[in-house]
Amino acid sequence: MNIEFDPNAFDQKGRLRIEKAGIDITIFKRNGKFFAANSKCPHKGGPMFLAKNVGEMGIMCPSHHIIFNVESGEVMENPIPKTMGDYALCNSLKTYKIDSNDGKYYVIVD
């Protein structure tokens, strides 16, 4: 399934949340490129649609300040101490590919 989005509909921080067919995705605009990811943090479900841009490719979950690579979804930095055991564990953020065709932009959802 492809979900079309408007490349001009982003907020001032370069974010666009799309909820469609039970899927909740946030698209991030960084340096003229688009990146799509799950709108909920894999750690504890924090609101990635409110993520803050960090550095060149990072997005930080506002709940626990875990930083993910906006392109790959990999955890770049996890400030939760390992002494907190399982609470400190965090999987990668689910990301989606972006495609464009004839001036239209799509998130590719498998």
PDB file of N, CA and C in Angstrom:
ATOM      1  N   MET A   1       0.850  -1.183   0.000  1.00  0.00           N
ATOM      2  CA  MET A   1       0.000   0.000   0.000  1.00  0.00           C
ATOM      3  C   MET A   1       0.892   1.242   0.000  1.00  0.00           C
ATOM      4  N   ASN A   2       0.500   2.224  -0.769  1.00  0.00           N
ATOM      5  CA  ASN A   2       1.185   3.518  -0.800  1.00  0.00           C
ATOM      6  C   ASN A   2       0.268   4.577  -0.216  1.00  0.00           C
ATOM      7  N   ILE A   3       0.821   5.427   0.630  1.00  0.00           N
ATOM      8  CA  ILE A   3       0.056   6.520   1.226  1.00  0.00           C
ATOM      9  C   ILE A   3       0.621   7.829   0.693  1.00  0.00           C
ATOM     10  N   GLU A   4      -0.203   8.564  -0.039  1.00  0.00           N
ATOM     11  CA  GLU A   4       0.237   9.832  -0.619  1.00  0.00           C
ATOM     12  C   GLU A   4       0.270  10.922   0.451  1.00  0.00           C
ATOM     13  N   PHE A   5       1.242  11.830   0.317  1.00  0.00           N
ATOM     14  CA  PHE A   5       1.298  12.975   1.229  1.00  0.00           C
ATOM     15  C   PHE A   5       1.661  14.233   0.463  1.00  0.00           C
ATOM     16  N   ASP A   6       1.275  15.359   1.043  1.00  0.00           N
ATOM     17  CA  ASP A   6       1.525  16.673   0.454  1.00  0.00           C
ATOM     18  C   ASP A   6       2.876  17.191   0.954  1.00  0.00           C
ATOM     19  N   PRO A   7       3.855  17.381   0.063  1.00  0.00           N
ATOM     20  CA  PRO A   7       5.180  17.830   0.505  1.00  0.00           C
ATOM     21  C   PRO A   7       5.202  19.259   1.049  1.00  0.00           C
ATOM     22  N   ASN A   8       4.073  19.956   0.980  1.00  0.00           N
ATOM     23  CA  ASN A   8       3.990  21.327   1.492  1.00  0.00           C
ATOM     24  C   ASN A   8       3.185  21.428   2.786  1.00  0.00           C
ATOM     25  N   ALA A   9       2.805  20.297   3.364  1.00  0.00           N
ATOM     26  CA  ALA A   9       1.911  20.301   4.526  1.00  0.00           C
ATOM     27  C   ALA A   9       2.631  20.118   5.864  1.00  0.00           C
ATOM     28  N   PHE A  10       3.935  20.295   5.910  1.00  0.00           N
ATOM     29  CA  PHE A  10       4.700  20.057   7.126  1.00  0.00           C
ATOM     30  C   PHE A  10       4.592  21.228   8.104  1.00  0.00           C
ATOM     31  N   ASP A  11       4.704  20.900   9.409  1.00  0.00           N
ATOM     32  CA  ASP A  11       4.715  21.970  10.409  1.00  0.00           C
ATOM     33  C   ASP A  11       6.074  22.684  10.362  1.00  0.00           C
ATOM     34  N   GLN A  12       6.250  23.702  11.217  1.00  0.00           N
ATOM     35  CA  GLN A  12       7.477  24.503  11.205  1.00  0.00           C
ATOM     36  C   GLN A  12       8.713  23.686  11.568  1.00  0.00           C
ATOM     37  N   LYS A  13       8.510  22.559  12.229  1.00  0.00           N
ATOM     38  CA  LYS A  13       9.639  21.723  12.645  1.00  0.00           C
ATOM     39  C   LYS A  13       9.902  20.587  11.660  1.00  0.00           C
ATOM     40  N   GLY A  14       9.224  20.611  10.509  1.00  0.00           N
ATOM     41  CA  GLY A  14       9.473  19.613   9.472  1.00  0.00           C
ATOM     42  C   GLY A  14       8.853  18.261   9.735  1.00  0.00           C
ATOM     43  N   ARG A  15       7.662  18.242  10.350  1.00  0.00           N
ATOM     44  CA  ARG A  15       6.982  16.985  10.662  1.00  0.00           C
ATOM     45  C   ARG A  15       5.588  16.978  10.041  1.00  0.00           C
ATOM     46  N   LEU A  16       5.147  15.788   9.637  1.00  0.00           N
ATOM     47  CA  LEU A  16       3.801  15.607   9.113  1.00  0.00           C
ATOM     48  C   LEU A  16       3.300  14.244   9.573  1.00  0.00           C
ATOM     49  N   ARG A  17       2.219  14.228  10.345  1.00  0.00           N
ATOM     50  CA  ARG A  17       1.653  12.970  10.844  1.00  0.00           C
ATOM     51  C   ARG A  17       0.512  12.548   9.930  1.00  0.00           C
ATOM     52  N   ILE A  18       0.516  11.266   9.588  1.00  0.00           N
ATOM     53  CA  ILE A  18      -0.539  10.700   8.754  1.00  0.00           C
ATOM     54  C   ILE A  18      -1.101   9.465   9.445  1.00  0.00           C
ATOM     55  N   GLU A  19      -2.409   9.463   9.639  1.00  0.00           N
ATOM     56  CA  GLU A  19      -3.097   8.300  10.190  1.00  0.00           C
ATOM     57  C   GLU A  19      -4.087   7.825   9.135  1.00  0.00           C
ATOM     58  N   LYS A  20      -3.858   6.597   8.625  1.00  0.00           N
ATOM     59  CA  LYS A  20      -4.711   6.087   7.559  1.00  0.00           C
ATOM     60  C   LYS A  20      -4.740   4.569   7.616  1.00  0.00           C
ATOM     61  N   ALA A  21      -5.918   4.007   7.506  1.00  0.00           N
ATOM     62  CA  ALA A  21      -6.102   2.548   7.466  1.00  0.00           C
ATOM     63  C   ALA A  21      -5.413   1.847   8.644  1.00  0.00           C
ATOM     64  N   GLY A  22      -5.509   2.445   9.831  1.00  0.00           N
ATOM     65  CA  GLY A  22      -4.924   1.848  11.026  1.00  0.00           C
ATOM     66  C   GLY A  22      -3.419   2.011  11.143  1.00  0.00           C
ATOM     67  N   ILE A  23      -2.821   2.797  10.260  1.00  0.00           N
ATOM     68  CA  ILE A  23      -1.385   3.026  10.273  1.00  0.00           C
ATOM     69  C   ILE A  23      -1.132   4.461  10.721  1.00  0.00           C
ATOM     70  N   ASP A  24      -0.176   4.636  11.627  1.00  0.00           N
ATOM     71  CA  ASP A  24       0.161   5.946  12.179  1.00  0.00           C
ATOM     72  C   ASP A  24       1.631   6.225  11.879  1.00  0.00           C
ATOM     73  N   ILE A  25       1.865   7.095  10.910  1.00  0.00           N
ATOM     74  CA  ILE A  25       3.219   7.378  10.421  1.00  0.00           C
ATOM     75  C   ILE A  25       3.506   8.870  10.544  1.00  0.00           C
ATOM     76  N   THR A  26       4.751   9.197  10.861  1.00  0.00           N
ATOM     77  CA  THR A  26       5.200  10.585  10.820  1.00  0.00           C
ATOM     78  C   THR A  26       6.275  10.699   9.758  1.00  0.00           C
ATOM     79  N   ILE A  27       6.136  11.720   8.918  1.00  0.00           N
ATOM     80  CA  ILE A  27       7.132  11.994   7.890  1.00  0.00           C
ATOM     81  C   ILE A  27       7.941  13.196   8.362  1.00  0.00           C
ATOM     82  N   PHE A  28       9.250  13.068   8.267  1.00  0.00           N
ATOM     83  CA  PHE A  28      10.164  14.118   8.681  1.00  0.00           C
ATOM     84  C   PHE A  28      10.846  14.686   7.444  1.00  0.00           C
ATOM     85  N   LYS A  29      10.897  16.004   7.353  1.00  0.00           N
ATOM     86  CA  LYS A  29      11.598  16.676   6.254  1.00  0.00           C
ATOM     87  C   LYS A  29      12.909  17.196   6.797  1.00  0.00           C
ATOM     88  N   ARG A  30      14.008  16.678   6.252  1.00  0.00           N
ATOM     89  CA  ARG A  30      15.342  17.063   6.702  1.00  0.00           C
ATOM     90  C   ARG A  30      16.188  17.418   5.495  1.00  0.00           C
ATOM     91  N   ASN A  31      16.659  18.640   5.424  1.00  0.00           N
ATOM     92  CA  ASN A  31      17.544  19.082   4.338  1.00  0.00           C
ATOM     93  C   ASN A  31      16.963  18.768   2.958  1.00  0.00           C
ATOM     94  N   GLY A  32      15.657  18.987   2.803  1.00  0.00           N
ATOM     95  CA  GLY A  32      14.998  18.775   1.518  1.00  0.00           C
ATOM     96  C   GLY A  32      14.657  17.337   1.195  1.00  0.00           C
ATOM     97  N   LYS A  33      14.958  16.412   2.100  1.00  0.00           N
ATOM     98  CA  LYS A  33      14.634  14.993   1.903  1.00  0.00           C
ATOM     99  C   LYS A  33      13.535  14.584   2.871  1.00  0.00           C
ATOM    100  N   PHE A  34      12.785  13.540   2.500  1.00  0.00           N
ATOM    101  CA  PHE A  34      11.697  13.044   3.332  1.00  0.00           C
ATOM    102  C   PHE A  34      12.058  11.673   3.900  1.00  0.00           C
ATOM    103  N   PHE A  35      11.705  11.479   5.178  1.00  0.00           N
ATOM    104  CA  PHE A  35      11.921  10.216   5.875  1.00  0.00           C
ATOM    105  C   PHE A  35      10.642   9.889   6.644  1.00  0.00           C
ATOM    106  N   ALA A  36      10.247   8.622   6.631  1.00  0.00           N
ATOM    107  CA  ALA A  36       9.006   8.229   7.308  1.00  0.00           C
ATOM    108  C   ALA A  36       9.294   7.178   8.378  1.00  0.00           C
ATOM    109  N   ALA A  37       8.569   7.297   9.501  1.00  0.00           N
ATOM    110  CA  ALA A  37       8.746   6.362  10.614  1.00  0.00           C
ATOM    111  C   ALA A  37       7.429   6.204  11.366  1.00  0.00           C
ATOM    112  N   ASN A  38       7.372   5.159  12.166  1.00  0.00           N
ATOM    113  CA  ASN A  38       6.228   4.936  13.036  1.00  0.00           C
ATOM    114  C   ASN A  38       6.060   6.149  13.951  1.00  0.00           C
ATOM    115  N   SER A  39       4.834   6.532  14.223  1.00  0.00           N
ATOM    116  CA  SER A  39       4.571   7.697  15.080  1.00  0.00           C
ATOM    117  C   SER A  39       4.700   7.388  16.563  1.00  0.00           C
ATOM    118  N   LYS A  40       4.919   6.120  16.918  1.00  0.00           N
ATOM    119  CA  LYS A  40       5.077   5.752  18.325  1.00  0.00           C
ATOM    120  C   LYS A  40       6.458   5.176  18.550  1.00  0.00           C
ATOM    121  N   CYS A  41       7.097   5.646  19.588  1.00  0.00           N
ATOM    122  CA  CYS A  41       8.437   5.186  19.942  1.00  0.00           C
ATOM    123  C   CYS A  41       8.390   3.702  20.328  1.00  0.00           C
ATOM    124  N   PRO A  42       9.367   2.905  19.868  1.00  0.00           N
ATOM    125  CA  PRO A  42       9.378   1.484  20.218  1.00  0.00           C
ATOM    126  C   PRO A  42       9.717   1.226  21.691  1.00  0.00           C
ATOM    127  N   HIS A  43      10.212   2.234  22.390  1.00  0.00           N
ATOM    128  CA  HIS A  43      10.576   2.049  23.788  1.00  0.00           C
ATOM    129  C   HIS A  43       9.338   1.913  24.665  1.00  0.00           C
ATOM    130  N   LYS A  44       8.528   2.935  24.740  1.00  0.00           N
ATOM    131  CA  LYS A  44       7.330   2.918  25.588  1.00  0.00           C
ATOM    132  C   LYS A  44       6.150   3.609  24.915  1.00  0.00           C
ATOM    133  N   GLY A  45       6.187   3.730  23.589  1.00  0.00           N
ATOM    134  CA  GLY A  45       5.057   4.303  22.855  1.00  0.00           C
ATOM    135  C   GLY A  45       4.998   5.819  22.850  1.00  0.00           C
ATOM    136  N   GLY A  46       6.106   6.474  23.134  1.00  0.00           N
ATOM    137  CA  GLY A  46       6.139   7.939  23.150  1.00  0.00           C
ATOM    138  C   GLY A  46       5.778   8.535  21.790  1.00  0.00           C
ATOM    139  N   PRO A  47       5.378   9.802  21.769  1.00  0.00           N
ATOM    140  CA  PRO A  47       4.886  10.454  20.550  1.00  0.00           C
ATOM    141  C   PRO A  47       6.001  10.907  19.599  1.00  0.00           C
ATOM    142  N   MET A  48       6.411  10.037  18.700  1.00  0.00           N
ATOM    143  CA  MET A  48       7.454  10.403  17.744  1.00  0.00           C
ATOM    144  C   MET A  48       6.999  11.503  16.798  1.00  0.00           C
ATOM    145  N   PHE A  49       5.686  11.723  16.703  1.00  0.00           N
ATOM    146  CA  PHE A  49       5.196  12.823  15.864  1.00  0.00           C
ATOM    147  C   PHE A  49       5.533  14.177  16.477  1.00  0.00           C
ATOM    148  N   LEU A  50       6.067  14.173  17.693  1.00  0.00           N
ATOM    149  CA  LEU A  50       6.549  15.397  18.335  1.00  0.00           C
ATOM    150  C   LEU A  50       8.073  15.380  18.486  1.00  0.00           C
ATOM    151  N   ALA A  51       8.723  14.463  17.783  1.00  0.00           N
ATOM    152  CA  ALA A  51      10.181  14.307  17.896  1.00  0.00           C
ATOM    153  C   ALA A  51      10.911  15.592  17.523  1.00  0.00           C
ATOM    154  N   LYS A  52      12.023  15.786  18.182  1.00  0.00           N
ATOM    155  CA  LYS A  52      12.879  16.947  17.934  1.00  0.00           C
ATOM    156  C   LYS A  52      14.043  16.518  17.049  1.00  0.00           C
ATOM    157  N   ASN A  53      14.399  17.350  16.072  1.00  0.00           N
ATOM    158  CA  ASN A  53      15.575  17.095  15.239  1.00  0.00           C
ATOM    159  C   ASN A  53      16.831  17.263  16.075  1.00  0.00           C
ATOM    160  N   VAL A  54      17.752  16.309  15.923  1.00  0.00           N
ATOM    161  CA  VAL A  54      19.011  16.355  16.660  1.00  0.00           C
ATOM    162  C   VAL A  54      20.139  16.063  15.679  1.00  0.00           C
ATOM    163  N   GLY A  55      21.050  17.005  15.536  1.00  0.00           N
ATOM    164  CA  GLY A  55      22.181  16.800  14.646  1.00  0.00           C
ATOM    165  C   GLY A  55      21.759  16.621  13.200  1.00  0.00           C
ATOM    166  N   GLU A  56      22.620  15.964  12.446  1.00  0.00           N
ATOM    167  CA  GLU A  56      22.403  15.783  11.005  1.00  0.00           C
ATOM    168  C   GLU A  56      21.253  14.831  10.690  1.00  0.00           C
ATOM    169  N   MET A  57      21.175  13.694  11.399  1.00  0.00           N
ATOM    170  CA  MET A  57      20.196  12.663  11.044  1.00  0.00           C
ATOM    171  C   MET A  57      19.390  12.136  12.233  1.00  0.00           C
ATOM    172  N   GLY A  58      19.470  12.770  13.382  1.00  0.00           N
ATOM    173  CA  GLY A  58      18.793  12.251  14.558  1.00  0.00           C
ATOM    174  C   GLY A  58      17.419  12.855  14.795  1.00  0.00           C
ATOM    175  N   ILE A  59      16.536  12.040  15.385  1.00  0.00           N
ATOM    176  CA  ILE A  59      15.252  12.519  15.907  1.00  0.00           C
ATOM    177  C   ILE A  59      15.126  11.968  17.325  1.00  0.00           C
ATOM    178  N   MET A  60      14.718  12.831  18.245  1.00  0.00           N
ATOM    179  CA  MET A  60      14.673  12.460  19.652  1.00  0.00           C
ATOM    180  C   MET A  60      13.244  12.342  20.138  1.00  0.00           C
ATOM    181  N   CYS A  61      12.929  11.188  20.724  1.00  0.00           N
ATOM    182  CA  CYS A  61      11.613  10.991  21.329  1.00  0.00           C
ATOM    183  C   CYS A  61      11.487  11.937  22.525  1.00  0.00           C
ATOM    184  N   PRO A  62      10.381  12.677  22.606  1.00  0.00           N
ATOM    185  CA  PRO A  62      10.233  13.625  23.707  1.00  0.00           C
ATOM    186  C   PRO A  62       9.984  12.965  25.061  1.00  0.00           C
ATOM    187  N   SER A  63       9.622  11.694  25.078  1.00  0.00           N
ATOM    188  CA  SER A  63       9.310  11.042  26.355  1.00  0.00           C
ATOM    189  C   SER A  63      10.548  10.681  27.170  1.00  0.00           C
ATOM    190  N   HIS A  64      11.504   9.980  26.567  1.00  0.00           N
ATOM    191  CA  HIS A  64      12.675   9.518  27.310  1.00  0.00           C
ATOM    192  C   HIS A  64      13.996   9.919  26.653  1.00  0.00           C
ATOM    193  N   HIS A  65      13.913  10.786  25.643  1.00  0.00           N
ATOM    194  CA  HIS A  65      15.081  11.387  24.987  1.00  0.00           C
ATOM    195  C   HIS A  65      15.990  10.390  24.273  1.00  0.00           C
ATOM    196  N   ILE A  66      15.416   9.274  23.828  1.00  0.00           N
ATOM    197  CA  ILE A  66      16.176   8.328  23.015  1.00  0.00           C
ATOM    198  C   ILE A  66      16.266   8.919  21.607  1.00  0.00           C
ATOM    199  N   ILE A  67      17.454   8.867  21.032  1.00  0.00           N
ATOM    200  CA  ILE A  67      17.682   9.442  19.704  1.00  0.00           C
ATOM    201  C   ILE A  67      17.812   8.317  18.679  1.00  0.00           C
ATOM    202  N   PHE A  68      17.036   8.439  17.609  1.00  0.00           N
ATOM    203  CA  PHE A  68      17.033   7.457  16.526  1.00  0.00           C
ATOM    204  C   PHE A  68      17.561   8.092  15.247  1.00  0.00           C
ATOM    205  N   ASN A  69      18.164   7.278  14.388  1.00  0.00           N
ATOM    206  CA  ASN A  69      18.544   7.731  13.061  1.00  0.00           C
ATOM    207  C   ASN A  69      17.260   7.813  12.239  1.00  0.00           C
ATOM    208  N   VAL A  70      16.963   8.975  11.670  1.00  0.00           N
ATOM    209  CA  VAL A  70      15.712   9.206  10.961  1.00  0.00           C
ATOM    210  C   VAL A  70      15.597   8.349   9.695  1.00  0.00           C
ATOM    211  N   GLU A  71      16.717   7.933   9.146  1.00  0.00           N
ATOM    212  CA  GLU A  71      16.689   7.125   7.919  1.00  0.00           C
ATOM    213  C   GLU A  71      16.589   5.631   8.198  1.00  0.00           C
ATOM    214  N   SER A  72      17.403   5.142   9.111  1.00  0.00           N
ATOM    215  CA  SER A  72      17.460   3.696   9.376  1.00  0.00           C
ATOM    216  C   SER A  72      16.597   3.252  10.553  1.00  0.00           C
ATOM    217  N   GLY A  73      16.297   4.181  11.467  1.00  0.00           N
ATOM    218  CA  GLY A  73      15.549   3.837  12.674  1.00  0.00           C
ATOM    219  C   GLY A  73      16.406   3.301  13.800  1.00  0.00           C
ATOM    220  N   GLU A  74      17.694   3.120  13.546  1.00  0.00           N
ATOM    221  CA  GLU A  74      18.584   2.588  14.573  1.00  0.00           C
ATOM    222  C   GLU A  74      18.712   3.560  15.749  1.00  0.00           C
ATOM    223  N   VAL A  75      18.886   3.000  16.939  1.00  0.00           N
ATOM    224  CA  VAL A  75      19.112   3.815  18.131  1.00  0.00           C
ATOM    225  C   VAL A  75      20.520   4.412  18.035  1.00  0.00           C
ATOM    226  N   MET A  76      20.600   5.730  18.087  1.00  0.00           N
ATOM    227  CA  MET A  76      21.887   6.425  18.053  1.00  0.00           C
ATOM    228  C   MET A  76      22.390   6.697  19.464  1.00  0.00           C
ATOM    229  N   GLU A  77      21.442   7.001  20.350  1.00  0.00           N
ATOM    230  CA  GLU A  77      21.805   7.323  21.729  1.00  0.00           C
ATOM    231  C   GLU A  77      20.627   6.997  22.640  1.00  0.00           C
ATOM    232  N   ASN A  78      20.927   6.291  23.715  1.00  0.00           N
ATOM    233  CA  ASN A  78      19.902   5.953  24.703  1.00  0.00           C
ATOM    234  C   ASN A  78      20.407   6.413  26.070  1.00  0.00           C
ATOM    235  N   PRO A  79      19.837   7.496  26.591  1.00  0.00           N
ATOM    236  CA  PRO A  79      20.328   8.042  27.861  1.00  0.00           C
ATOM    237  C   PRO A  79      19.842   7.291  29.103  1.00  0.00           C
ATOM    238  N   ILE A  80      18.998   6.287  28.928  1.00  0.00           N
ATOM    239  CA  ILE A  80      18.487   5.550  30.084  1.00  0.00           C
ATOM    240  C   ILE A  80      19.587   4.622  30.593  1.00  0.00           C
ATOM    241  N   PRO A  81      19.953   4.733  31.870  1.00  0.00           N
ATOM    242  CA  PRO A  81      21.056   3.917  32.412  1.00  0.00           C
ATOM    243  C   PRO A  81      20.769   2.418  32.303  1.00  0.00           C
ATOM    244  N   LYS A  82      21.793   1.658  31.910  1.00  0.00           N
ATOM    245  CA  LYS A  82      21.655   0.202  31.802  1.00  0.00           C
ATOM    246  C   LYS A  82      21.309  -0.425  33.153  1.00  0.00           C
ATOM    247  N   THR A  83      21.612   0.276  34.234  1.00  0.00           N
ATOM    248  CA  THR A  83      21.289  -0.235  35.570  1.00  0.00           C
ATOM    249  C   THR A  83      19.780  -0.333  35.788  1.00  0.00           C
ATOM    250  N   MET A  84      19.002   0.267  34.875  1.00  0.00           N
ATOM    251  CA  MET A  84      17.546   0.180  34.986  1.00  0.00           C
ATOM    252  C   MET A  84      17.007  -1.094  34.334  1.00  0.00           C
ATOM    253  N   GLY A  85      17.905  -1.982  33.927  1.00  0.00           N
ATOM    254  CA  GLY A  85      17.520  -3.294  33.410  1.00  0.00           C
ATOM    255  C   GLY A  85      16.684  -3.206  32.142  1.00  0.00           C
ATOM    256  N   ASP A  86      15.610  -3.998  32.096  1.00  0.00           N
ATOM    257  CA  ASP A  86      14.761  -4.071  30.914  1.00  0.00           C
ATOM    258  C   ASP A  86      14.157  -2.726  30.528  1.00  0.00           C
ATOM    259  N   TYR A  87      13.989  -1.824  31.481  1.00  0.00           N
ATOM    260  CA  TYR A  87      13.409  -0.515  31.173  1.00  0.00           C
ATOM    261  C   TYR A  87      14.299   0.267  30.195  1.00  0.00           C
ATOM    262  N   ALA A  88      15.591  -0.012  30.209  1.00  0.00           N
ATOM    263  CA  ALA A  88      16.526   0.709  29.344  1.00  0.00           C
ATOM    264  C   ALA A  88      16.580   0.146  27.927  1.00  0.00           C
ATOM    265  N   LEU A  89      16.001  -1.033  27.707  1.00  0.00           N
ATOM    266  CA  LEU A  89      16.062  -1.655  26.387  1.00  0.00           C
ATOM    267  C   LEU A  89      15.177  -0.915  25.394  1.00  0.00           C
ATOM    268  N   CYS A  90      15.667  -0.798  24.157  1.00  0.00           N
ATOM    269  CA  CYS A  90      14.890  -0.123  23.119  1.00  0.00           C
ATOM    270  C   CYS A  90      15.248  -0.696  21.755  1.00  0.00           C
ATOM    271  N   ASN A  91      14.243  -1.137  21.022  1.00  0.00           N
ATOM    272  CA  ASN A  91      14.436  -1.616  19.655  1.00  0.00           C
ATOM    273  C   ASN A  91      14.542  -0.438  18.701  1.00  0.00           C
ATOM    274  N   SER A  92      14.874  -0.743  17.460  1.00  0.00           N
ATOM    275  CA  SER A  92      14.918   0.285  16.414  1.00  0.00           C
ATOM    276  C   SER A  92      13.514   0.795  16.113  1.00  0.00           C
ATOM    277  N   LEU A  93      13.448   2.021  15.646  1.00  0.00           N
ATOM    278  CA  LEU A  93      12.202   2.640  15.216  1.00  0.00           C
ATOM    279  C   LEU A  93      11.862   2.126  13.822  1.00  0.00           C
ATOM    280  N   LYS A  94      10.622   1.703  13.610  1.00  0.00           N
ATOM    281  CA  LYS A  94      10.181   1.227  12.295  1.00  0.00           C
ATOM    282  C   LYS A  94      10.192   2.389  11.314  1.00  0.00           C
ATOM    283  N   THR A  95      10.872   2.207  10.182  1.00  0.00           N
ATOM    284  CA  THR A  95      10.927   3.240   9.156  1.00  0.00           C
ATOM    285  C   THR A  95      10.293   2.716   7.872  1.00  0.00           C
ATOM    286  N   TYR A  96       9.949   3.640   6.991  1.00  0.00           N
ATOM    287  CA  TYR A  96       9.300   3.315   5.721  1.00  0.00           C
ATOM    288  C   TYR A  96      10.007   4.046   4.594  1.00  0.00           C
ATOM    289  N   LYS A  97       9.964   3.451   3.414  1.00  0.00           N
ATOM    290  CA  LYS A  97      10.560   4.087   2.235  1.00  0.00           C
ATOM    291  C   LYS A  97       9.614   5.153   1.682  1.00  0.00           C
ATOM    292  N   ILE A  98      10.205   6.146   1.052  1.00  0.00           N
ATOM    293  CA  ILE A  98       9.472   7.221   0.383  1.00  0.00           C
ATOM    294  C   ILE A  98       9.706   7.079  -1.117  1.00  0.00           C
ATOM    295  N   ASP A  99       8.669   7.290  -1.885  1.00  0.00           N
ATOM    296  CA  ASP A  99       8.786   7.258  -3.344  1.00  0.00           C
ATOM    297  C   ASP A  99       8.102   8.495  -3.911  1.00  0.00           C
ATOM    298  N   SER A 100       8.530   8.905  -5.085  1.00  0.00           N
ATOM    299  CA  SER A 100       7.859  10.016  -5.763  1.00  0.00           C
ATOM    300  C   SER A 100       7.675   9.644  -7.226  1.00  0.00           C
ATOM    301  N   ASN A 101       6.568  10.155  -7.791  1.00  0.00           N
ATOM    302  CA  ASN A 101       6.247   9.872  -9.170  1.00  0.00           C
ATOM    303  C   ASN A 101       5.370  10.998  -9.698  1.00  0.00           C
ATOM    304  N   ASP A 102       5.794  11.626 -10.777  1.00  0.00           N
ATOM    305  CA  ASP A 102       5.018  12.717 -11.390  1.00  0.00           C
ATOM    306  C   ASP A 102       4.669  13.819 -10.398  1.00  0.00           C
ATOM    307  N   GLY A 103       5.605  14.166  -9.522  1.00  0.00           N
ATOM    308  CA  GLY A 103       5.389  15.254  -8.577  1.00  0.00           C
ATOM    309  C   GLY A 103       4.568  14.877  -7.353  1.00  0.00           C
ATOM    310  N   LYS A 104       4.184  13.606  -7.245  1.00  0.00           N
ATOM    311  CA  LYS A 104       3.434  13.130  -6.071  1.00  0.00           C
ATOM    312  C   LYS A 104       4.383  12.307  -5.193  1.00  0.00           C
ATOM    313  N   TYR A 105       4.166  12.382  -3.876  1.00  0.00           N
ATOM    314  CA  TYR A 105       5.014  11.702  -2.930  1.00  0.00           C
ATOM    315  C   TYR A 105       4.214  10.652  -2.155  1.00  0.00           C
ATOM    316  N   TYR A 106       4.865   9.512  -1.888  1.00  0.00           N
ATOM    317  CA  TYR A 106       4.197   8.394  -1.232  1.00  0.00           C
ATOM    318  C   TYR A 106       5.085   7.774  -0.173  1.00  0.00           C
ATOM    319  N   VAL A 107       4.435   7.293   0.898  1.00  0.00           N
ATOM    320  CA  VAL A 107       5.089   6.422   1.868  1.00  0.00           C
ATOM    321  C   VAL A 107       4.716   5.009   1.446  1.00  0.00           C
ATOM    322  N   ILE A 108       5.713   4.150   1.317  1.00  0.00           N
ATOM    323  CA  ILE A 108       5.473   2.757   0.925  1.00  0.00           C
ATOM    324  C   ILE A 108       5.321   1.929   2.189  1.00  0.00           C
ATOM    325  N   VAL A 109       4.140   1.378   2.381  1.00  0.00           N
ATOM    326  CA  VAL A 109       3.844   0.573   3.556  1.00  0.00           C
ATOM    327  C   VAL A 109       3.709  -0.882   3.119  1.00  0.00           C
ATOM    328  N   ASP A 110       4.549  -1.743   3.669  1.00  0.00           N
ATOM    329  CA  ASP A 110       4.500  -3.170   3.297  1.00  0.00           C
ATOM    330  C   ASP A 110       3.423  -3.888   4.064  1.00  0.00           C
TER     331      ASP A 110
END
